[in-house]
Amino acid sequence: QVHVVESGGGLVQTGGSLRLSCVVSTDTFIGDYISWYRQIPGESRELVAGISGSGGIYYDSSVKGRFSISRNNADLTVFLQMDNLKPEDTATYYCNDPDGLTKNVWGQGTQVTVSS
């Protein structure tokens, strides 16, 4: 059963910004490691960033310094602030929690398109 909902994608020009949101409907959210992935058609999903329940953060080298992940435990939401966007950031962005990853259950994602 899908329990994540992503939103916030859109079309922006190179150098623009977007803020993605991920609402995770689970009782274990506070302690869960929540990850953002992205996928281009025909390619595998790639891990972009992740945040642990204690605030530990990971960024892929391709987005470090441009993207910022944060969470609001009260609202069961994880955010991905994306600045200085590049055309190569164009993809469908997904978030997931450990349960979803284990069961390979994904939300609908949110499309990010960066024009050159």
Protein backbone atom coordinates (compact mmCIF):
# COMPACT_ATOMS: atom_id res chain seq x y z
CA GLN A 1 0.00 0.00 0.00
CA VAL A 2 1.39 3.36 -1.06
CA HIS A 3 1.91 5.64 1.89
CA VAL A 4 4.02 8.45 0.44
CA VAL A 5 2.81 11.44 -1.54
CA GLU A 6 5.27 13.65 -3.38
CA SER A 7 4.52 17.16 -4.64
CA GLY A 8 6.17 20.40 -5.65
CA GLY A 9 7.64 19.56 -9.03
CA GLY A 10 7.35 21.77 -12.07
CA LEU A 11 9.11 23.44 -14.98
CA VAL A 12 11.91 25.88 -14.21
CA GLN A 13 14.77 27.46 -16.08
CA THR A 14 18.39 26.64 -15.44
CA GLY A 15 19.46 28.23 -12.19
CA GLY A 16 15.95 28.20 -10.77
CA SER A 17 14.66 26.60 -7.60
CA LEU A 18 11.95 24.20 -6.52
CA ARG A 19 10.91 22.80 -3.16
CA LEU A 20 9.63 19.25 -3.14
CA SER A 21 7.49 17.85 -0.34
CA CYS A 22 6.98 14.27 0.73
CA VAL A 23 4.23 13.33 3.14
CA VAL A 24 4.78 9.91 4.69
CA SER A 25 1.78 8.31 6.35
CA THR A 26 3.35 5.95 8.84
CA ASP A 27 3.47 5.55 12.61
CA THR A 28 7.25 5.17 12.53
CA PHE A 29 8.05 8.39 10.67
CA ILE A 30 9.94 10.04 13.51
CA GLY A 31 12.61 7.35 13.57
CA ASP A 32 12.59 6.51 9.87
CA TYR A 33 15.31 7.29 7.34
CA ILE A 34 13.53 9.03 4.46
CA SER A 35 15.17 9.15 1.05
CA TRP A 36 14.66 11.12 -2.14
CA TYR A 37 15.35 9.36 -5.44
CA ARG A 38 15.04 10.44 -9.05
CA GLN A 39 14.51 8.53 -12.25
CA ILE A 40 14.84 9.27 -15.93
CA PRO A 41 12.81 7.06 -18.30
CA GLY A 42 14.76 3.98 -19.23
CA GLU A 43 17.18 4.32 -16.34
CA SER A 44 17.29 3.08 -12.76
CA ARG A 45 16.26 5.22 -9.84
CA GLU A 46 19.20 6.95 -8.22
CA LEU A 47 19.51 8.09 -4.62
CA VAL A 48 19.67 11.85 -4.36
CA ALA A 49 19.49 12.58 -0.65
CA GLY A 50 18.39 11.08 2.64
CA ILE A 51 17.72 12.15 6.19
CA SER A 52 17.63 10.02 9.31
CA GLY A 53 15.30 10.40 12.26
CA SER A 54 18.14 11.98 14.23
CA GLY A 55 18.93 14.45 11.45
CA GLY A 56 21.85 12.72 9.80
CA ILE A 57 21.99 13.73 6.15
CA TYR A 58 23.34 12.25 2.94
CA TYR A 59 23.67 13.92 -0.46
CA ASP A 60 24.78 12.44 -3.73
CA SER A 61 27.82 14.26 -5.03
CA SER A 62 25.85 15.50 -8.04
CA VAL A 63 23.57 17.62 -5.84
CA LYS A 64 25.76 18.47 -2.85
CA GLY A 65 25.83 22.21 -2.32
CA ARG A 66 22.69 22.77 -4.39
CA PHE A 67 20.03 20.62 -2.70
CA SER A 68 19.00 20.69 0.94
CA ILE A 69 16.92 18.03 2.69
CA SER A 70 14.95 18.67 5.87
CA ARG A 71 12.07 17.18 7.79
CA ASN A 72 9.12 18.29 9.89
CA ASN A 73 8.21 15.43 12.17
CA ALA A 74 4.99 17.08 13.35
CA ASP A 75 3.66 17.15 9.79
CA LEU A 76 5.21 13.79 8.74
CA THR A 77 6.89 15.65 5.89
CA VAL A 78 10.32 15.66 4.32
CA PHE A 79 11.37 18.50 2.06
CA LEU A 80 13.94 18.73 -0.71
CA GLN A 81 14.97 22.29 -1.48
CA MET A 82 16.57 22.35 -4.90
CA ASP A 83 18.54 25.44 -5.91
CA ASN A 84 20.70 26.27 -8.91
CA LEU A 85 18.90 23.61 -10.91
CA LYS A 86 20.53 22.20 -14.02
CA PRO A 87 19.03 20.47 -17.07
CA GLU A 88 20.56 17.20 -15.86
CA ASP A 89 18.36 17.42 -12.75
CA THR A 90 15.34 16.78 -14.99
CA ALA A 91 13.67 13.61 -13.73
CA THR A 92 10.75 12.23 -11.79
CA TYR A 93 11.50 12.57 -8.09
CA TYR A 94 10.32 10.00 -5.56
CA CYS A 95 10.60 9.70 -1.83
CA ASN A 96 10.38 6.57 0.24
CA ASP A 97 10.76 5.14 3.72
CA PRO A 98 12.34 1.84 4.76
CA ASP A 99 9.05 -0.03 4.58
CA GLY A 100 8.34 1.16 1.06
CA LEU A 101 11.86 0.33 -0.06
CA THR A 102 11.63 -3.18 1.41
CA LYS A 103 8.31 -3.83 -0.31
CA ASN A 104 9.31 -1.94 -3.49
CA VAL A 105 6.18 0.20 -3.21
CA TRP A 106 6.50 3.71 -4.60
CA GLY A 107 4.34 6.79 -4.87
CA GLN A 108 3.47 8.57 -8.10
CA GLY A 109 6.47 10.85 -7.90
CA THR A 110 6.68 14.48 -8.95
CA GLN A 111 8.12 15.64 -12.26
CA VAL A 112 10.93 18.17 -12.32
CA THR A 113 11.87 19.67 -15.67
CA VAL A 114 14.74 22.14 -16.00
CA SER A 115 14.96 23.98 -19.30
CA SER A 116 18.27 25.19 -20.69
